[in-house]
Amino acid sequence: MPRWTDLQGMSKMKITEAQIRRVVKRILKEDIDVEMGGGNEKEAAFRKIVDEKQAGKVDGSMVDLFSASAVVAVLDALNEKNKEHFLSLPPVNMAKIAFKMMKK
């Protein structure tokens, strides 16, 4: 396997070490999610929005970073039974409930 110093002269692209770390982290995270069954697609979509710090779609609804982070915080706090019920709701209702829970 070539070392990093061997690859430096091969390309004119300037890639920082931080960029490489982010890409490797994202790839490893996706591999772990796939190997572990990925859980719920809706939960994965919310977590992806938070990880990438960018708005995205969940079940066809556009979700911003602020709403996604509130939903993820609530998901992390719920037990398995309540988590399943919460994930069965539409994304809009999930966000409404998350904001109500965040007020408390």
Protein backbone atom coordinates (compact mmCIF):
# COMPACT_ATOMS: atom_id res chain seq x y z
CA MET A 1 0.00 0.00 0.00
CA PRO A 2 1.49 3.38 -0.95
CA ARG A 3 2.27 5.85 1.76
CA TRP A 4 0.84 9.39 1.83
CA THR A 5 4.25 10.84 0.96
CA ASP A 6 4.34 8.64 -2.16
CA LEU A 7 1.00 10.02 -3.34
CA GLN A 8 1.75 13.72 -2.83
CA GLY A 9 3.41 14.29 -6.18
CA MET A 10 0.88 12.29 -8.19
CA SER A 11 -1.81 14.93 -8.46
CA LYS A 12 -2.11 18.66 -8.91
CA MET A 13 -5.18 18.71 -6.66
CA LYS A 14 -4.69 20.32 -3.30
CA ILE A 15 -6.49 18.21 -0.73
CA THR A 16 -6.11 19.07 2.92
CA GLU A 17 -5.72 16.49 5.63
CA ALA A 18 -9.01 17.66 7.18
CA GLN A 19 -10.85 16.95 3.93
CA ILE A 20 -9.39 13.46 3.77
CA ARG A 21 -10.36 12.80 7.39
CA ARG A 22 -13.97 13.91 6.71
CA VAL A 23 -14.26 11.65 3.66
CA VAL A 24 -12.78 8.65 5.48
CA LYS A 25 -15.05 9.28 8.49
CA ARG A 26 -18.13 9.46 6.24
CA ILE A 27 -17.17 6.26 4.38
CA LEU A 28 -16.50 4.37 7.61
CA LYS A 29 -19.78 5.58 9.12
CA GLU A 30 -21.73 4.46 6.03
CA ASP A 31 -19.99 1.06 6.13
CA ILE A 32 -20.86 0.59 9.80
CA ASP A 33 -24.49 1.56 9.17
CA VAL A 34 -24.75 -0.95 6.32
CA GLU A 35 -23.10 -3.74 8.34
CA MET A 36 -25.33 -3.18 11.36
CA GLY A 37 -28.52 -3.17 9.32
CA GLY A 38 -28.71 0.60 9.21
CA GLY A 39 -31.56 0.79 11.70
CA ASN A 40 -34.35 2.90 10.30
CA GLU A 41 -34.04 4.78 6.99
CA LYS A 42 -35.82 7.80 8.43
CA GLU A 43 -33.48 7.94 11.43
CA ALA A 44 -30.47 7.55 9.13
CA ALA A 45 -31.73 10.42 6.95
CA PHE A 46 -32.08 12.74 9.98
CA ARG A 47 -28.61 11.77 11.23
CA LYS A 48 -27.13 12.35 7.77
CA ILE A 49 -28.56 15.87 7.72
CA VAL A 50 -26.99 16.58 11.11
CA ASP A 51 -23.63 15.01 10.18
CA GLU A 52 -23.37 16.90 6.89
CA LYS A 53 -24.73 20.13 8.44
CA GLN A 54 -26.96 20.59 5.43
CA ALA A 55 -30.70 20.45 4.77
CA GLY A 56 -32.07 17.35 3.12
CA LYS A 57 -35.18 15.35 2.36
CA VAL A 58 -36.76 12.80 4.69
CA ASP A 59 -39.67 10.84 3.24
CA GLY A 60 -40.15 13.54 0.59
CA SER A 61 -40.27 16.42 3.11
CA MET A 62 -37.52 19.03 3.19
CA VAL A 63 -35.89 19.18 6.64
CA ASP A 64 -33.50 21.87 7.85
CA LEU A 65 -30.50 21.31 10.10
CA PHE A 66 -32.13 22.85 13.19
CA SER A 67 -35.19 20.58 12.98
CA ALA A 68 -33.08 17.52 12.23
CA SER A 69 -30.83 18.13 15.23
CA ALA A 70 -33.88 18.48 17.50
CA VAL A 71 -35.33 15.21 16.17
CA VAL A 72 -31.99 13.39 16.61
CA ALA A 73 -31.71 14.67 20.20
CA VAL A 74 -35.18 13.31 20.96
CA LEU A 75 -34.40 10.00 19.21
CA ASP A 76 -31.29 9.59 21.35
CA ALA A 77 -33.34 10.12 24.53
CA LEU A 78 -36.16 7.68 23.71
CA ASN A 79 -36.32 4.00 24.63
CA GLU A 80 -36.79 1.41 21.86
CA LYS A 81 -40.57 1.13 22.10
CA ASN A 82 -41.16 4.88 22.01
CA LYS A 83 -38.49 5.29 19.34
CA GLU A 84 -40.36 2.91 17.02
CA HIS A 85 -43.59 4.83 17.53
CA PHE A 86 -41.84 8.19 17.03
CA LEU A 87 -40.21 6.98 13.80
CA SER A 88 -43.59 5.86 12.45
CA LEU A 89 -44.76 9.49 12.40
CA PRO A 90 -44.38 11.81 9.38
CA PRO A 91 -41.26 14.06 9.52
CA VAL A 92 -43.36 17.21 10.07
CA ASN A 93 -45.00 15.74 13.16
CA MET A 94 -41.64 14.45 14.40
CA ALA A 95 -40.22 17.98 14.24
CA LYS A 96 -43.26 19.46 16.04
CA ILE A 97 -42.96 16.94 18.85
CA ALA A 98 -39.20 17.41 19.04
CA PHE A 99 -39.57 21.17 19.49
CA LYS A 100 -42.19 20.66 22.19
CA MET A 101 -39.84 18.28 24.00
CA MET A 102 -36.90 20.67 23.66
CA LYS A 103 -38.86 23.42 25.44
CA LYS A 104 -39.10 21.29 28.58
